[in-house]
């Protein structure tokens, strides 16, 4: 069976609940990891949510697997994870991936604009 992006997005959206900014803030206040999946240039351009942990989407599998030398200890299967990217697509796909890897409680916030908490603006590169 050949999958399309549309198929993968439908499966991801079915597996990973979408939450709003208020619910995300509540979960983070209770100890959830807010995980920003955008690439570094996106963070530099648009800023980031205060307190967010950053793992680019392309490295998530390696950071999430405790058996790799690249494992990130912030990713624990017993910890709630709230994902976001720029608009929600990568967060949905990443959430499905984490669920497939055994992470139980994973949520898709959507994009950075959906975060209603404090934000850190991009650094002004100066002249």
PDB file of N, CA and C in Angstrom:
ATOM      1  N   UNK A   1       0.844  -1.187   0.000  1.00  0.00           N
ATOM      2  CA  UNK A   1       0.000   0.000   0.000  1.00  0.00           C
ATOM      3  C   UNK A   1       0.889   1.250   0.000  1.00  0.00           C
ATOM      4  N   UNK A   2       0.613   2.148  -0.881  1.00  0.00           N
ATOM      5  CA  UNK A   2       1.347   3.405  -0.974  1.00  0.00           C
ATOM      6  C   UNK A   2       0.548   4.487  -0.243  1.00  0.00           C
ATOM      7  N   UNK A   3       1.232   5.212   0.633  1.00  0.00           N
ATOM      8  CA  UNK A   3       0.586   6.287   1.381  1.00  0.00           C
ATOM      9  C   UNK A   3       0.896   7.635   0.762  1.00  0.00           C
ATOM     10  N   UNK A   4      -0.068   8.508   0.833  1.00  0.00           N
ATOM     11  CA  UNK A   4       0.131   9.891   0.418  1.00  0.00           C
ATOM     12  C   UNK A   4       0.246  10.762   1.666  1.00  0.00           C
ATOM     13  N   UNK A   5       0.653  11.986   1.494  1.00  0.00           N
ATOM     14  CA  UNK A   5       0.696  12.910   2.622  1.00  0.00           C
ATOM     15  C   UNK A   5      -0.699  13.056   3.221  1.00  0.00           C
ATOM     16  N   UNK A   6      -1.709  13.098   2.373  1.00  0.00           N
ATOM     17  CA  UNK A   6      -3.086  13.201   2.862  1.00  0.00           C
ATOM     18  C   UNK A   6      -3.428  12.011   3.764  1.00  0.00           C
ATOM     19  N   UNK A   7      -3.026  10.806   3.366  1.00  0.00           N
ATOM     20  CA  UNK A   7      -3.262   9.614   4.183  1.00  0.00           C
ATOM     21  C   UNK A   7      -2.534   9.714   5.523  1.00  0.00           C
ATOM     22  N   UNK A   8      -1.261  10.129   5.468  1.00  0.00           N
ATOM     23  CA  UNK A   8      -0.463  10.227   6.688  1.00  0.00           C
ATOM     24  C   UNK A   8      -1.024  11.289   7.636  1.00  0.00           C
ATOM     25  N   UNK A   9      -1.478  12.410   7.083  1.00  0.00           N
ATOM     26  CA  UNK A   9      -2.056  13.464   7.919  1.00  0.00           C
ATOM     27  C   UNK A   9      -3.357  12.995   8.560  1.00  0.00           C
ATOM     28  N   UNK A  10      -4.181  12.280   7.811  1.00  0.00           N
ATOM     29  CA  UNK A  10      -5.441  11.773   8.366  1.00  0.00           C
ATOM     30  C   UNK A  10      -5.163  10.813   9.521  1.00  0.00           C
ATOM     31  N   UNK A  11      -4.193   9.917   9.353  1.00  0.00           N
ATOM     32  CA  UNK A  11      -3.842   8.976  10.420  1.00  0.00           C
ATOM     33  C   UNK A  11      -3.278   9.716  11.635  1.00  0.00           C
ATOM     34  N   UNK A  12      -2.446  10.709  11.385  1.00  0.00           N
ATOM     35  CA  UNK A  12      -1.847  11.475  12.475  1.00  0.00           C
ATOM     36  C   UNK A  12      -2.914  12.252  13.237  1.00  0.00           C
ATOM     37  N   UNK A  13      -3.805  12.902  12.520  1.00  0.00           N
ATOM     38  CA  UNK A  13      -4.851  13.682  13.184  1.00  0.00           C
ATOM     39  C   UNK A  13      -5.829  12.794  13.945  1.00  0.00           C
ATOM     40  N   UNK A  14      -6.013  11.562  13.497  1.00  0.00           N
ATOM     41  CA  UNK A  14      -6.873  10.620  14.213  1.00  0.00           C
ATOM     42  C   UNK A  14      -6.206  10.105  15.490  1.00  0.00           C
ATOM     43  N   UNK A  15      -4.885  10.015  15.479  1.00  0.00           N
ATOM     44  CA  UNK A  15      -4.150   9.436  16.607  1.00  0.00           C
ATOM     45  C   UNK A  15      -3.734  10.453  17.661  1.00  0.00           C
ATOM     46  N   UNK A  16      -3.558  11.706  17.249  1.00  0.00           N
ATOM     47  CA  UNK A  16      -2.992  12.720  18.147  1.00  0.00           C
ATOM     48  C   UNK A  16      -4.018  13.831  18.361  1.00  0.00           C
ATOM     49  N   UNK A  17      -4.531  13.967  19.578  1.00  0.00           N
ATOM     50  CA  UNK A  17      -5.524  15.012  19.834  1.00  0.00           C
ATOM     51  C   UNK A  17      -4.952  16.412  19.636  1.00  0.00           C
ATOM     52  N   UNK A  18      -5.762  17.276  19.044  1.00  0.00           N
ATOM     53  CA  UNK A  18      -5.408  18.691  18.887  1.00  0.00           C
ATOM     54  C   UNK A  18      -5.957  19.440  20.088  1.00  0.00           C
ATOM     55  N   UNK A  19      -5.146  20.294  20.687  1.00  0.00           N
ATOM     56  CA  UNK A  19      -5.576  21.067  21.842  1.00  0.00           C
ATOM     57  C   UNK A  19      -5.359  22.551  21.577  1.00  0.00           C
ATOM     58  N   UNK A  20      -6.019  23.379  22.376  1.00  0.00           N
ATOM     59  CA  UNK A  20      -5.857  24.820  22.215  1.00  0.00           C
ATOM     60  C   UNK A  20      -4.776  25.342  23.159  1.00  0.00           C
ATOM     61  N   UNK A  21      -4.482  26.613  23.027  1.00  0.00           N
ATOM     62  CA  UNK A  21      -3.416  27.228  23.808  1.00  0.00           C
ATOM     63  C   UNK A  21      -3.648  27.182  25.304  1.00  0.00           C
ATOM     64  N   UNK A  22      -4.890  27.348  25.740  1.00  0.00           N
ATOM     65  CA  UNK A  22      -5.178  27.312  27.173  1.00  0.00           C
ATOM     66  C   UNK A  22      -4.903  25.931  27.751  1.00  0.00           C
ATOM     67  N   UNK A  23      -5.325  24.892  27.042  1.00  0.00           N
ATOM     68  CA  UNK A  23      -5.080  23.520  27.509  1.00  0.00           C
ATOM     69  C   UNK A  23      -3.579  23.223  27.494  1.00  0.00           C
ATOM     70  N   UNK A  24      -2.880  23.697  26.476  1.00  0.00           N
ATOM     71  CA  UNK A  24      -1.433  23.489  26.401  1.00  0.00           C
ATOM     72  C   UNK A  24      -0.735  24.137  27.589  1.00  0.00           C
ATOM     73  N   UNK A  25      -1.124  25.356  27.922  1.00  0.00           N
ATOM     74  CA  UNK A  25      -0.520  26.044  29.060  1.00  0.00           C
ATOM     75  C   UNK A  25      -0.777  25.277  30.352  1.00  0.00           C
ATOM     76  N   UNK A  26      -1.996  24.754  30.504  1.00  0.00           N
ATOM     77  CA  UNK A  26      -2.333  23.979  31.696  1.00  0.00           C
ATOM     78  C   UNK A  26      -1.452  22.734  31.798  1.00  0.00           C
ATOM     79  N   UNK A  27      -1.304  22.010  30.688  1.00  0.00           N
ATOM     80  CA  UNK A  27      -0.480  20.802  30.697  1.00  0.00           C
ATOM     81  C   UNK A  27       0.983  21.120  31.004  1.00  0.00           C
ATOM     82  N   UNK A  28       1.495  22.193  30.421  1.00  0.00           N
ATOM     83  CA  UNK A  28       2.884  22.590  30.671  1.00  0.00           C
ATOM     84  C   UNK A  28       3.056  22.977  32.138  1.00  0.00           C
ATOM     85  N   UNK A  29       2.087  23.689  32.696  1.00  0.00           N
ATOM     86  CA  UNK A  29       2.152  24.061  34.111  1.00  0.00           C
ATOM     87  C   UNK A  29       2.163  22.824  35.007  1.00  0.00           C
ATOM     88  N   UNK A  30       1.579  21.731  34.521  1.00  0.00           N
ATOM     89  CA  UNK A  30       1.543  20.470  35.279  1.00  0.00           C
ATOM     90  C   UNK A  30       2.761  19.589  34.996  1.00  0.00           C
ATOM     91  N   UNK A  31       3.705  20.078  34.177  1.00  0.00           N
ATOM     92  CA  UNK A  31       4.938  19.338  33.949  1.00  0.00           C
ATOM     93  C   UNK A  31       5.125  18.768  32.554  1.00  0.00           C
ATOM     94  N   UNK A  32       4.184  19.021  31.659  1.00  0.00           N
ATOM     95  CA  UNK A  32       4.340  18.529  30.285  1.00  0.00           C
ATOM     96  C   UNK A  32       5.513  19.225  29.607  1.00  0.00           C
ATOM     97  N   UNK A  33       6.083  18.542  28.639  1.00  0.00           N
ATOM     98  CA  UNK A  33       7.147  19.110  27.813  1.00  0.00           C
ATOM     99  C   UNK A  33       6.515  19.808  26.620  1.00  0.00           C
ATOM    100  N   UNK A  34       6.790  21.088  26.446  1.00  0.00           N
ATOM    101  CA  UNK A  34       6.375  21.819  25.254  1.00  0.00           C
ATOM    102  C   UNK A  34       7.514  21.687  24.258  1.00  0.00           C
ATOM    103  N   UNK A  35       7.259  21.003  23.156  1.00  0.00           N
ATOM    104  CA  UNK A  35       8.313  20.666  22.205  1.00  0.00           C
ATOM    105  C   UNK A  35       8.093  21.384  20.878  1.00  0.00           C
ATOM    106  N   UNK A  36       9.053  22.221  20.528  1.00  0.00           N
ATOM    107  CA  UNK A  36       9.044  22.985  19.279  1.00  0.00           C
ATOM    108  C   UNK A  36       9.804  22.190  18.225  1.00  0.00           C
ATOM    109  N   UNK A  37       9.128  21.845  17.134  1.00  0.00           N
ATOM    110  CA  UNK A  37       9.693  20.994  16.085  1.00  0.00           C
ATOM    111  C   UNK A  37      10.227  21.764  14.891  1.00  0.00           C
ATOM    112  N   UNK A  38      10.162  23.085  14.930  1.00  0.00           N
ATOM    113  CA  UNK A  38      10.590  23.874  13.778  1.00  0.00           C
ATOM    114  C   UNK A  38      12.096  23.811  13.609  1.00  0.00           C
ATOM    115  N   UNK A  39      12.544  24.132  12.417  1.00  0.00           N
ATOM    116  CA  UNK A  39      13.978  24.215  12.156  1.00  0.00           C
ATOM    117  C   UNK A  39      14.548  25.481  12.804  1.00  0.00           C
ATOM    118  N   UNK A  40      15.833  25.464  13.096  1.00  0.00           N
ATOM    119  CA  UNK A  40      16.485  26.583  13.782  1.00  0.00           C
ATOM    120  C   UNK A  40      16.261  27.926  13.085  1.00  0.00           C
ATOM    121  N   UNK A  41      16.359  28.032  11.747  1.00  0.00           N
ATOM    122  CA  UNK A  41      16.106  29.338  11.123  1.00  0.00           C
ATOM    123  C   UNK A  41      14.689  29.863  11.379  1.00  0.00           C
ATOM    124  N   UNK A  42      13.731  28.966  11.556  1.00  0.00           N
ATOM    125  CA  UNK A  42      12.368  29.404  11.862  1.00  0.00           C
ATOM    126  C   UNK A  42      12.306  30.030  13.254  1.00  0.00           C
ATOM    127  N   UNK A  43      13.006  29.459  14.207  1.00  0.00           N
ATOM    128  CA  UNK A  43      13.041  30.029  15.548  1.00  0.00           C
ATOM    129  C   UNK A  43      13.708  31.394  15.518  1.00  0.00           C
ATOM    130  N   UNK A  44      14.781  31.487  14.751  1.00  0.00           N
ATOM    131  CA  UNK A  44      15.501  32.758  14.650  1.00  0.00           C
ATOM    132  C   UNK A  44      14.644  33.841  14.018  1.00  0.00           C
ATOM    133  N   UNK A  45      13.786  33.458  13.075  1.00  0.00           N
ATOM    134  CA  UNK A  45      12.916  34.437  12.397  1.00  0.00           C
ATOM    135  C   UNK A  45      11.685  34.803  13.218  1.00  0.00           C
ATOM    136  N   UNK A  46      11.051  33.805  13.831  1.00  0.00           N
ATOM    137  CA  UNK A  46       9.735  34.033  14.422  1.00  0.00           C
ATOM    138  C   UNK A  46       9.725  34.052  15.945  1.00  0.00           C
ATOM    139  N   UNK A  47      10.840  33.733  16.583  1.00  0.00           N
ATOM    140  CA  UNK A  47      10.837  33.642  18.036  1.00  0.00           C
ATOM    141  C   UNK A  47      10.338  32.267  18.470  1.00  0.00           C
ATOM    142  N   UNK A  48      10.078  32.155  19.770  1.00  0.00           N
ATOM    143  CA  UNK A  48       9.651  30.856  20.285  1.00  0.00           C
ATOM    144  C   UNK A  48       8.824  31.037  21.540  1.00  0.00           C
ATOM    145  N   UNK A  49       8.136  29.981  21.913  1.00  0.00           N
ATOM    146  CA  UNK A  49       7.367  29.985  23.151  1.00  0.00           C
ATOM    147  C   UNK A  49       8.335  29.918  24.324  1.00  0.00           C
ATOM    148  N   UNK A  50       8.099  30.711  25.318  1.00  0.00           N
ATOM    149  CA  UNK A  50       8.949  30.707  26.500  1.00  0.00           C
ATOM    150  C   UNK A  50       8.897  29.332  27.152  1.00  0.00           C
ATOM    151  N   UNK A  51      10.072  28.774  27.431  1.00  0.00           N
ATOM    152  CA  UNK A  51      10.150  27.476  28.081  1.00  0.00           C
ATOM    153  C   UNK A  51      10.084  26.280  27.152  1.00  0.00           C
ATOM    154  N   UNK A  52       9.891  26.520  25.860  1.00  0.00           N
ATOM    155  CA  UNK A  52       9.797  25.406  24.915  1.00  0.00           C
ATOM    156  C   UNK A  52      11.154  24.740  24.734  1.00  0.00           C
ATOM    157  N   UNK A  53      11.114  23.442  24.561  1.00  0.00           N
ATOM    158  CA  UNK A  53      12.303  22.652  24.258  1.00  0.00           C
ATOM    159  C   UNK A  53      12.343  22.491  22.742  1.00  0.00           C
ATOM    160  N   UNK A  54      13.511  22.552  22.151  1.00  0.00           N
ATOM    161  CA  UNK A  54      13.611  22.512  20.696  1.00  0.00           C
ATOM    162  C   UNK A  54      14.298  21.245  20.216  1.00  0.00           C
ATOM    163  N   UNK A  55      13.596  20.515  19.345  1.00  0.00           N
ATOM    164  CA  UNK A  55      14.182  19.398  18.602  1.00  0.00           C
ATOM    165  C   UNK A  55      13.637  19.517  17.184  1.00  0.00           C
ATOM    166  N   UNK A  56      14.469  19.769  16.198  1.00  0.00           N
ATOM    167  CA  UNK A  56      13.961  19.846  14.825  1.00  0.00           C
ATOM    168  C   UNK A  56      13.286  18.524  14.426  1.00  0.00           C
ATOM    169  N   UNK A  57      12.225  18.617  13.674  1.00  0.00           N
ATOM    170  CA  UNK A  57      11.458  17.436  13.273  1.00  0.00           C
ATOM    171  C   UNK A  57      12.346  16.352  12.658  1.00  0.00           C
ATOM    172  N   UNK A  58      13.333  16.725  11.905  1.00  0.00           N
ATOM    173  CA  UNK A  58      14.195  15.765  11.245  1.00  0.00           C
ATOM    174  C   UNK A  58      15.064  14.937  12.180  1.00  0.00           C
ATOM    175  N   UNK A  59      15.178  15.345  13.437  1.00  0.00           N
ATOM    176  CA  UNK A  59      15.989  14.607  14.415  1.00  0.00           C
ATOM    177  C   UNK A  59      15.146  13.884  15.459  1.00  0.00           C
ATOM    178  N   UNK A  60      13.822  14.001  15.371  1.00  0.00           N
ATOM    179  CA  UNK A  60      12.963  13.515  16.449  1.00  0.00           C
ATOM    180  C   UNK A  60      13.131  12.025  16.731  1.00  0.00           C
ATOM    181  N   UNK A  61      13.179  11.196  15.707  1.00  0.00           N
ATOM    182  CA  UNK A  61      13.300   9.755  15.917  1.00  0.00           C
ATOM    183  C   UNK A  61      14.548   9.428  16.721  1.00  0.00           C
ATOM    184  N   UNK A  62      15.646  10.083  16.404  1.00  0.00           N
ATOM    185  CA  UNK A  62      16.916   9.832  17.075  1.00  0.00           C
ATOM    186  C   UNK A  62      16.915  10.351  18.507  1.00  0.00           C
ATOM    187  N   UNK A  63      16.283  11.493  18.727  1.00  0.00           N
ATOM    188  CA  UNK A  63      16.214  12.072  20.070  1.00  0.00           C
ATOM    189  C   UNK A  63      15.221  11.316  20.964  1.00  0.00           C
ATOM    190  N   UNK A  64      14.204  10.715  20.368  1.00  0.00           N
ATOM    191  CA  UNK A  64      13.148  10.045  21.136  1.00  0.00           C
ATOM    192  C   UNK A  64      13.491   8.616  21.521  1.00  0.00           C
ATOM    193  N   UNK A  65      14.446   8.014  20.844  1.00  0.00           N
ATOM    194  CA  UNK A  65      14.787   6.612  21.099  1.00  0.00           C
ATOM    195  C   UNK A  65      15.907   6.526  22.137  1.00  0.00           C
ATOM    196  N   UNK A  66      15.615   5.982  23.321  1.00  0.00           N
ATOM    197  CA  UNK A  66      16.648   5.927  24.359  1.00  0.00           C
ATOM    198  C   UNK A  66      17.823   5.016  24.010  1.00  0.00           C
ATOM    199  N   UNK A  67      17.699   4.215  22.968  1.00  0.00           N
ATOM    200  CA  UNK A  67      18.787   3.320  22.574  1.00  0.00           C
ATOM    201  C   UNK A  67      19.758   3.945  21.572  1.00  0.00           C
ATOM    202  N   UNK A  68      19.563   5.217  21.242  1.00  0.00           N
ATOM    203  CA  UNK A  68      20.510   5.878  20.341  1.00  0.00           C
ATOM    204  C   UNK A  68      21.431   6.787  21.151  1.00  0.00           C
ATOM    205  N   UNK A  69      22.616   7.062  20.636  1.00  0.00           N
ATOM    206  CA  UNK A  69      23.511   7.983  21.349  1.00  0.00           C
ATOM    207  C   UNK A  69      23.013   9.431  21.302  1.00  0.00           C
ATOM    208  N   UNK A  70      21.964   9.692  20.523  1.00  0.00           N
ATOM    209  CA  UNK A  70      21.433  11.046  20.370  1.00  0.00           C
ATOM    210  C   UNK A  70      20.216  11.300  21.258  1.00  0.00           C
ATOM    211  N   UNK A  71      19.850  10.325  22.096  1.00  0.00           N
ATOM    212  CA  UNK A  71      18.640  10.443  22.914  1.00  0.00           C
ATOM    213  C   UNK A  71      18.652  11.722  23.752  1.00  0.00           C
ATOM    214  N   UNK A  72      17.501  12.370  23.793  1.00  0.00           N
ATOM    215  CA  UNK A  72      17.314  13.571  24.598  1.00  0.00           C
ATOM    216  C   UNK A  72      16.561  13.165  25.865  1.00  0.00           C
ATOM    217  N   UNK A  73      17.167  13.322  27.039  1.00  0.00           N
ATOM    218  CA  UNK A  73      16.516  12.879  28.280  1.00  0.00           C
ATOM    219  C   UNK A  73      15.233  13.634  28.622  1.00  0.00           C
ATOM    220  N   UNK A  74      14.996  14.763  27.966  1.00  0.00           N
ATOM    221  CA  UNK A  74      13.719  15.461  28.184  1.00  0.00           C
ATOM    222  C   UNK A  74      12.543  14.651  27.635  1.00  0.00           C
ATOM    223  N   UNK A  75      12.805  13.786  26.667  1.00  0.00           N
ATOM    224  CA  UNK A  75      11.767  12.930  26.098  1.00  0.00           C
ATOM    225  C   UNK A  75      11.698  11.645  26.910  1.00  0.00           C
ATOM    226  N   UNK A  76      10.621  11.525  27.663  1.00  0.00           N
ATOM    227  CA  UNK A  76      10.381  10.338  28.479  1.00  0.00           C
ATOM    228  C   UNK A  76       8.974   9.832  28.185  1.00  0.00           C
ATOM    229  N   UNK A  77       8.832   8.547  28.119  1.00  0.00           N
ATOM    230  CA  UNK A  77       7.532   7.955  27.771  1.00  0.00           C
ATOM    231  C   UNK A  77       6.488   8.171  28.852  1.00  0.00           C
ATOM    232  N   UNK A  78       6.910   8.513  30.057  1.00  0.00           N
ATOM    233  CA  UNK A  78       5.967   8.769  31.146  1.00  0.00           C
ATOM    234  C   UNK A  78       5.631  10.260  31.286  1.00  0.00           C
ATOM    235  N   UNK A  79       6.096  11.074  30.361  1.00  0.00           N
ATOM    236  CA  UNK A  79       5.863  12.517  30.417  1.00  0.00           C
ATOM    237  C   UNK A  79       4.904  12.942  29.320  1.00  0.00           C
ATOM    238  N   UNK A  80       3.977  13.809  29.654  1.00  0.00           N
ATOM    239  CA  UNK A  80       3.069  14.375  28.661  1.00  0.00           C
ATOM    240  C   UNK A  80       3.884  15.270  27.734  1.00  0.00           C
ATOM    241  N   UNK A  81       3.598  15.189  26.430  1.00  0.00           N
ATOM    242  CA  UNK A  81       4.323  15.985  25.448  1.00  0.00           C
ATOM    243  C   UNK A  81       3.323  16.787  24.624  1.00  0.00           C
ATOM    244  N   UNK A  82       3.555  18.086  24.541  1.00  0.00           N
ATOM    245  CA  UNK A  82       2.747  18.990  23.726  1.00  0.00           C
ATOM    246  C   UNK A  82       3.645  19.476  22.595  1.00  0.00           C
ATOM    247  N   UNK A  83       3.250  19.173  21.373  1.00  0.00           N
ATOM    248  CA  UNK A  83       4.048  19.498  20.195  1.00  0.00           C
ATOM    249  C   UNK A  83       3.520  20.720  19.479  1.00  0.00           C
ATOM    250  N   UNK A  84       4.428  21.468  18.882  1.00  0.00           N
ATOM    251  CA  UNK A  84       4.000  22.510  17.947  1.00  0.00           C
ATOM    252  C   UNK A  84       5.086  22.712  16.904  1.00  0.00           C
ATOM    253  N   UNK A  85       4.666  23.240  15.772  1.00  0.00           N
ATOM    254  CA  UNK A  85       5.588  23.600  14.690  1.00  0.00           C
ATOM    255  C   UNK A  85       5.170  24.987  14.221  1.00  0.00           C
ATOM    256  N   UNK A  86       5.159  25.219  12.936  1.00  0.00           N
ATOM    257  CA  UNK A  86       4.732  26.528  12.431  1.00  0.00           C
ATOM    258  C   UNK A  86       3.218  26.590  12.238  1.00  0.00           C
ATOM    259  N   UNK A  87       2.629  25.491  11.768  1.00  0.00           N
ATOM    260  CA  UNK A  87       1.186  25.513  11.516  1.00  0.00           C
ATOM    261  C   UNK A  87       0.444  24.271  12.011  1.00  0.00           C
ATOM    262  N   UNK A  88       1.146  23.231  12.415  1.00  0.00           N
ATOM    263  CA  UNK A  88       0.499  22.052  12.976  1.00  0.00           C
ATOM    264  C   UNK A  88       0.711  20.763  12.212  1.00  0.00           C
ATOM    265  N   UNK A  89       1.111  20.830  10.956  1.00  0.00           N
ATOM    266  CA  UNK A  89       1.299  19.625  10.163  1.00  0.00           C
ATOM    267  C   UNK A  89       2.432  18.745  10.656  1.00  0.00           C
ATOM    268  N   UNK A  90       3.588  19.335  10.857  1.00  0.00           N
ATOM    269  CA  UNK A  90       4.727  18.559  11.366  1.00  0.00           C
ATOM    270  C   UNK A  90       4.451  18.064  12.776  1.00  0.00           C
ATOM    271  N   UNK A  91       3.737  18.863  13.569  1.00  0.00           N
ATOM    272  CA  UNK A  91       3.403  18.448  14.934  1.00  0.00           C
ATOM    273  C   UNK A  91       2.492  17.223  14.917  1.00  0.00           C
ATOM    274  N   UNK A  92       1.528  17.182  13.999  1.00  0.00           N
ATOM    275  CA  UNK A  92       0.640  16.023  13.899  1.00  0.00           C
ATOM    276  C   UNK A  92       1.430  14.782  13.513  1.00  0.00           C
ATOM    277  N   UNK A  93       2.259  14.894  12.489  1.00  0.00           N
ATOM    278  CA  UNK A  93       3.055  13.744  12.038  1.00  0.00           C
ATOM    279  C   UNK A  93       4.041  13.304  13.126  1.00  0.00           C
ATOM    280  N   UNK A  94       4.647  14.246  13.816  1.00  0.00           N
ATOM    281  CA  UNK A  94       5.577  13.923  14.889  1.00  0.00           C
ATOM    282  C   UNK A  94       4.856  13.254  16.051  1.00  0.00           C
ATOM    283  N   UNK A  95       3.645  13.707  16.327  1.00  0.00           N
ATOM    284  CA  UNK A  95       2.865  13.095  17.399  1.00  0.00           C
ATOM    285  C   UNK A  95       2.550  11.638  17.097  1.00  0.00           C
ATOM    286  N   UNK A  96       2.182  11.372  15.868  1.00  0.00           N
ATOM    287  CA  UNK A  96       1.903   9.985  15.457  1.00  0.00           C
ATOM    288  C   UNK A  96       3.169   9.156  15.583  1.00  0.00           C
ATOM    289  N   UNK A  97       4.286   9.696  15.164  1.00  0.00           N
ATOM    290  CA  UNK A  97       5.559   9.000  15.288  1.00  0.00           C
ATOM    291  C   UNK A  97       5.856   8.661  16.749  1.00  0.00           C
ATOM    292  N   UNK A  98       5.706   9.636  17.647  1.00  0.00           N
ATOM    293  CA  UNK A  98       5.971   9.385  19.059  1.00  0.00           C
ATOM    294  C   UNK A  98       5.030   8.325  19.620  1.00  0.00           C
ATOM    295  N   UNK A  99       3.774   8.371  19.222  1.00  0.00           N
ATOM    296  CA  UNK A  99       2.835   7.334  19.671  1.00  0.00           C
ATOM    297  C   UNK A  99       3.271   5.966  19.163  1.00  0.00           C
ATOM    298  N   UNK A 100       3.708   5.896  17.913  1.00  0.00           N
ATOM    299  CA  UNK A 100       4.196   4.631  17.352  1.00  0.00           C
ATOM    300  C   UNK A 100       5.429   4.124  18.116  1.00  0.00           C
ATOM    301  N   UNK A 101       6.186   5.050  18.707  1.00  0.00           N
ATOM    302  CA  UNK A 101       7.387   4.691  19.456  1.00  0.00           C
ATOM    303  C   UNK A 101       7.088   4.401  20.929  1.00  0.00           C
ATOM    304  N   UNK A 102       5.821   4.443  21.329  1.00  0.00           N
ATOM    305  CA  UNK A 102       5.446   4.088  22.691  1.00  0.00           C
ATOM    306  C   UNK A 102       5.188   5.233  23.639  1.00  0.00           C
ATOM    307  N   UNK A 103       5.217   6.460  23.154  1.00  0.00           N
ATOM    308  CA  UNK A 103       4.865   7.609  23.987  1.00  0.00           C
ATOM    309  C   UNK A 103       3.347   7.665  24.058  1.00  0.00           C
ATOM    310  N   UNK A 104       2.812   7.665  25.280  1.00  0.00           N
ATOM    311  CA  UNK A 104       1.368   7.532  25.449  1.00  0.00           C
ATOM    312  C   UNK A 104       0.584   8.830  25.309  1.00  0.00           C
ATOM    313  N   UNK A 105       1.016   9.850  26.026  1.00  0.00           N
ATOM    314  CA  UNK A 105       0.213  11.071  26.092  1.00  0.00           C
ATOM    315  C   UNK A 105       0.892  12.192  25.307  1.00  0.00           C
ATOM    316  N   UNK A 106       0.440  12.362  24.071  1.00  0.00           N
ATOM    317  CA  UNK A 106       1.029  13.312  23.132  1.00  0.00           C
ATOM    318  C   UNK A 106      -0.101  14.156  22.550  1.00  0.00           C
ATOM    319  N   UNK A 107       0.123  15.469  22.484  1.00  0.00           N
ATOM    320  CA  UNK A 107      -0.892  16.394  21.970  1.00  0.00           C
ATOM    321  C   UNK A 107      -0.290  17.302  20.910  1.00  0.00           C
ATOM    322  N   UNK A 108      -1.139  17.745  19.997  1.00  0.00           N
ATOM    323  CA  UNK A 108      -0.750  18.682  18.941  1.00  0.00           C
ATOM    324  C   UNK A 108      -1.367  20.037  19.257  1.00  0.00           C
ATOM    325  N   UNK A 109      -0.522  20.996  19.605  1.00  0.00           N
ATOM    326  CA  UNK A 109      -0.981  22.367  19.828  1.00  0.00           C
ATOM    327  C   UNK A 109      -1.261  23.058  18.500  1.00  0.00           C
ATOM    328  N   UNK A 110      -0.542  22.687  17.461  1.00  0.00           N
ATOM    329  CA  UNK A 110      -0.668  23.348  16.162  1.00  0.00           C
ATOM    330  C   UNK A 110       0.586  24.139  15.877  1.00  0.00           C
ATOM    331  N   UNK A 111       0.412  25.439  15.633  1.00  0.00           N
ATOM    332  CA  UNK A 111       1.540  26.298  15.314  1.00  0.00           C
ATOM    333  C   UNK A 111       1.916  27.209  16.465  1.00  0.00           C
ATOM    334  N   UNK A 112       3.033  27.880  16.315  1.00  0.00           N
ATOM    335  CA  UNK A 112       3.485  28.820  17.344  1.00  0.00           C
ATOM    336  C   UNK A 112       2.414  29.864  17.638  1.00  0.00           C
ATOM    337  N   UNK A 113       1.679  30.291  16.641  1.00  0.00           N
ATOM    338  CA  UNK A 113       0.632  31.294  16.844  1.00  0.00           C
ATOM    339  C   UNK A 113      -0.467  30.796  17.778  1.00  0.00           C
ATOM    340  N   UNK A 114      -0.593  29.476  17.939  1.00  0.00           N
ATOM    341  CA  UNK A 114      -1.613  28.909  18.823  1.00  0.00           C
ATOM    342  C   UNK A 114      -1.187  28.923  20.291  1.00  0.00           C
ATOM    343  N   UNK A 115       0.099  29.144  20.556  1.00  0.00           N
ATOM    344  CA  UNK A 115       0.583  29.247  21.930  1.00  0.00           C
ATOM    345  C   UNK A 115       0.132  30.582  22.491  1.00  0.00           C
ATOM    346  N   UNK A 116      -0.595  30.551  23.585  1.00  0.00           N
ATOM    347  CA  UNK A 116      -1.144  31.781  24.154  1.00  0.00           C
ATOM    348  C   UNK A 116      -0.329  32.280  25.345  1.00  0.00           C
ATOM    349  N   UNK A 117       0.735  31.562  25.677  1.00  0.00           N
ATOM    350  CA  UNK A 117       1.595  31.980  26.779  1.00  0.00           C
ATOM    351  C   UNK A 117       2.655  32.963  26.325  1.00  0.00           C
ATOM    352  N   UNK A 118       3.604  33.182  27.192  1.00  0.00           N
ATOM    353  CA  UNK A 118       4.689  34.124  26.923  1.00  0.00           C
ATOM    354  C   UNK A 118       5.542  33.636  25.758  1.00  0.00           C
ATOM    355  N   UNK A 119       5.979  34.584  24.951  1.00  0.00           N
ATOM    356  CA  UNK A 119       6.849  34.262  23.819  1.00  0.00           C
ATOM    357  C   UNK A 119       8.141  35.045  23.921  1.00  0.00           C
ATOM    358  N   UNK A 120       9.189  34.443  23.382  1.00  0.00           N
ATOM    359  CA  UNK A 120      10.476  35.099  23.278  1.00  0.00           C
ATOM    360  C   UNK A 120      10.628  35.525  21.832  1.00  0.00           C
ATOM    361  N   UNK A 121      10.749  36.799  21.629  1.00  0.00           N
ATOM    362  CA  UNK A 121      10.834  37.327  20.275  1.00  0.00           C
ATOM    363  C   UNK A 121      12.193  36.996  19.659  1.00  0.00           C
ATOM    364  N   UNK A 122      12.266  37.027  18.347  1.00  0.00           N
ATOM    365  CA  UNK A 122      13.564  36.755  17.687  1.00  0.00           C
ATOM    366  C   UNK A 122      14.612  37.773  18.128  1.00  0.00           C
ATOM    367  N   UNK A 123      15.837  37.313  18.114  1.00  0.00           N
ATOM    368  CA  UNK A 123      16.951  38.197  18.451  1.00  0.00           C
ATOM    369  C   UNK A 123      17.196  39.134  17.273  1.00  0.00           C
ATOM    370  N   UNK A 124      17.332  40.417  17.553  1.00  0.00           N
ATOM    371  CA  UNK A 124      17.631  41.393  16.509  1.00  0.00           C
ATOM    372  C   UNK A 124      19.099  41.208  16.111  1.00  0.00           C
ATOM    373  N   UNK A 125      19.356  40.846  14.838  1.00  0.00           N
ATOM    374  CA  UNK A 125      20.736  40.604  14.441  1.00  0.00           C
ATOM    375  C   UNK A 125      21.580  41.869  14.381  1.00  0.00           C
ATOM    376  N   UNK A 126      20.977  43.009  14.528  1.00  0.00           N
ATOM    377  CA  UNK A 126      21.718  44.264  14.504  1.00  0.00           C
ATOM    378  C   UNK A 126      22.095  44.664  13.092  1.00  0.00           C
ATOM    379  N   UNK A 127      22.975  45.657  12.984  1.00  0.00           N
ATOM    380  CA  UNK A 127      23.345  46.180  11.671  1.00  0.00           C
ATOM    381  C   UNK A 127      24.601  45.511  11.179  1.00  0.00           C
TER     382      UNK A 127
END
